Protein backbone atom coordinates (compact mmCIF):
# COMPACT_ATOMS: atom_id res chain seq x y z
CA MET A 1 10.13 -33.15 -21.86
CA THR A 2 13.04 -32.58 -19.50
CA GLU A 3 12.66 -32.11 -15.77
CA GLU A 4 13.83 -28.47 -15.91
CA LEU A 5 11.24 -27.61 -18.56
CA ARG A 6 8.43 -29.21 -16.55
CA GLU A 7 9.39 -27.23 -13.45
CA GLY A 8 9.57 -23.93 -15.34
CA LEU A 9 6.31 -24.39 -17.23
CA PRO A 10 3.95 -23.32 -14.42
CA PHE A 11 5.90 -20.08 -13.99
CA VAL A 12 5.65 -19.35 -17.71
CA ILE A 13 1.90 -19.97 -17.60
CA GLN A 14 1.52 -17.76 -14.54
CA LEU A 15 3.56 -15.00 -16.16
CA THR A 16 1.47 -15.25 -19.33
CA VAL A 17 -1.78 -14.99 -17.36
CA PHE A 18 -0.42 -12.00 -15.44
CA VAL A 19 0.68 -10.16 -18.58
CA LEU A 20 -2.62 -10.85 -20.34
CA ALA A 21 -4.64 -9.74 -17.30
CA ALA A 22 -2.63 -6.51 -17.05
CA TRP A 23 -3.07 -5.82 -20.75
CA VAL A 24 -6.84 -6.47 -20.67
CA GLY A 25 -7.19 -4.34 -17.54
CA ILE A 26 -5.38 -1.40 -19.12
CA GLU A 27 -7.48 -1.71 -22.27
CA VAL A 28 -10.76 -1.80 -20.34
CA ILE A 29 -9.87 1.05 -17.98
CA SER A 30 -8.66 3.29 -20.79
CA LYS A 31 -12.02 2.95 -22.57
CA VAL A 32 -14.11 4.19 -19.60
CA PRO A 33 -15.20 7.84 -19.99
CA GLN A 34 -14.14 10.18 -17.18
CA MET A 35 -17.79 10.90 -16.29
CA LEU A 36 -18.34 7.21 -15.46
CA HIS A 37 -15.10 6.53 -13.61
CA THR A 38 -16.23 7.55 -10.12
CA PRO A 39 -19.65 5.84 -10.19
CA LEU A 40 -18.07 2.65 -11.52
CA MET A 41 -15.39 2.82 -8.86
CA SER A 42 -17.99 3.12 -6.11
CA GLY A 43 -19.71 0.02 -7.44
CA THR A 44 -16.51 -1.97 -7.52
CA ASN A 45 -15.68 -1.12 -3.90
CA ALA A 46 -18.16 -3.74 -2.72
CA ILE A 47 -16.58 -6.33 -5.00
CA HIS A 48 -13.11 -5.36 -3.83
CA GLY A 49 -14.25 -5.72 -0.22
CA VAL A 50 -15.15 -9.35 -0.91
CA VAL A 51 -11.79 -9.87 -2.60
CA LEU A 52 -10.08 -8.36 0.43
CA VAL A 53 -11.86 -10.80 2.77
CA GLY A 54 -10.71 -13.65 0.51
CA ALA A 55 -7.15 -12.35 0.61
CA ILE A 56 -7.23 -12.26 4.40
CA LEU A 57 -8.49 -15.86 4.48
CA VAL A 58 -5.78 -17.00 2.07
CA LEU A 59 -3.14 -15.15 4.08
CA GLY A 60 -4.35 -16.88 7.25
CA ALA A 61 -4.12 -20.29 5.60
CA ALA A 62 -0.69 -19.65 4.04
CA ALA A 63 1.79 -22.34 4.90
CA GLY A 64 4.74 -20.47 3.40
CA GLY A 65 7.64 -18.86 5.10
CA GLY A 66 8.22 -15.32 6.19
CA PHE A 67 8.48 -13.88 2.68
CA GLU A 68 5.07 -15.17 1.61
CA THR A 69 3.47 -13.90 4.80
CA ALA A 70 5.07 -10.48 4.45
CA LEU A 71 4.02 -10.24 0.82
CA GLY A 72 0.47 -11.23 1.79
CA ILE A 73 0.34 -8.60 4.51
CA VAL A 74 1.51 -5.93 2.09
CA ALA A 75 -1.11 -7.05 -0.46
CA VAL A 76 -3.89 -6.94 2.15
CA ALA A 77 -2.74 -3.48 3.29
CA PHE A 78 -2.76 -2.14 -0.28
CA GLY A 79 -6.17 -3.72 -0.88
CA ALA A 80 -7.56 -2.13 2.28
CA ALA A 81 -6.15 1.24 1.27
CA ASN A 82 -7.82 0.86 -2.12
CA VAL A 83 -11.21 0.13 -0.55
CA VAL A 84 -10.94 3.03 1.91
CA GLY A 85 -9.77 5.43 -0.80
CA GLY A 86 -12.63 4.36 -3.04
CA PHE A 87 -15.18 5.06 -0.34
CA VAL A 88 -13.61 8.46 0.37
CA VAL A 89 -13.82 9.43 -3.30
CA THR A 90 -17.41 8.15 -3.50
CA ASP A 91 -18.35 10.20 -0.44
CA ARG A 92 -16.82 13.30 -1.99
CA MET A 93 -18.76 12.65 -5.19
CA LEU A 94 -22.03 12.29 -3.28
CA GLN A 95 -21.34 15.54 -1.39
CA MET A 96 -21.45 17.36 -4.74
CA PHE A 97 -25.12 16.41 -5.12
CA LYS A 98 -26.28 17.56 -1.69
CA ARG A 99 -28.21 20.80 -1.58
CA ARG A 100 -26.36 23.58 0.19
CA PRO A 101 -28.32 25.41 2.87
CA ASP A 102 -29.61 28.83 1.89
CA PRO A 103 -27.67 31.70 3.49
CA PRO A 104 -29.55 33.69 6.14
CA ASP A 105 -31.21 36.93 4.98
CA GLY A 106 -28.81 39.79 4.56
CA GLU A 107 -25.72 37.60 4.19
CA GLY A 108 -24.07 36.73 0.94
CA ARG A 109 -26.19 39.06 -1.18
């Protein structure tokens, strides 16, 4: 095996894992019925919160240059936006199940 092939092999493996993960993710998400999407998303928010904490720890321990740090900050920002958006959608879903107060007598009839 030549030196160039050995250096490029980890990238090929990483690219293969990325492509397979994207493909499996698309397949799994596309099979979820629309009625279950929001409850499943609210459940995964807790998991994503743990992942976000891990990403922050990894970003803090990064020994790379400016590009790696900037990319990590962008990833943490997108992850935080995903968690916040998930909780907003979950809150809206739960609002649908709250009982509305009855209108006072003489109004709305």
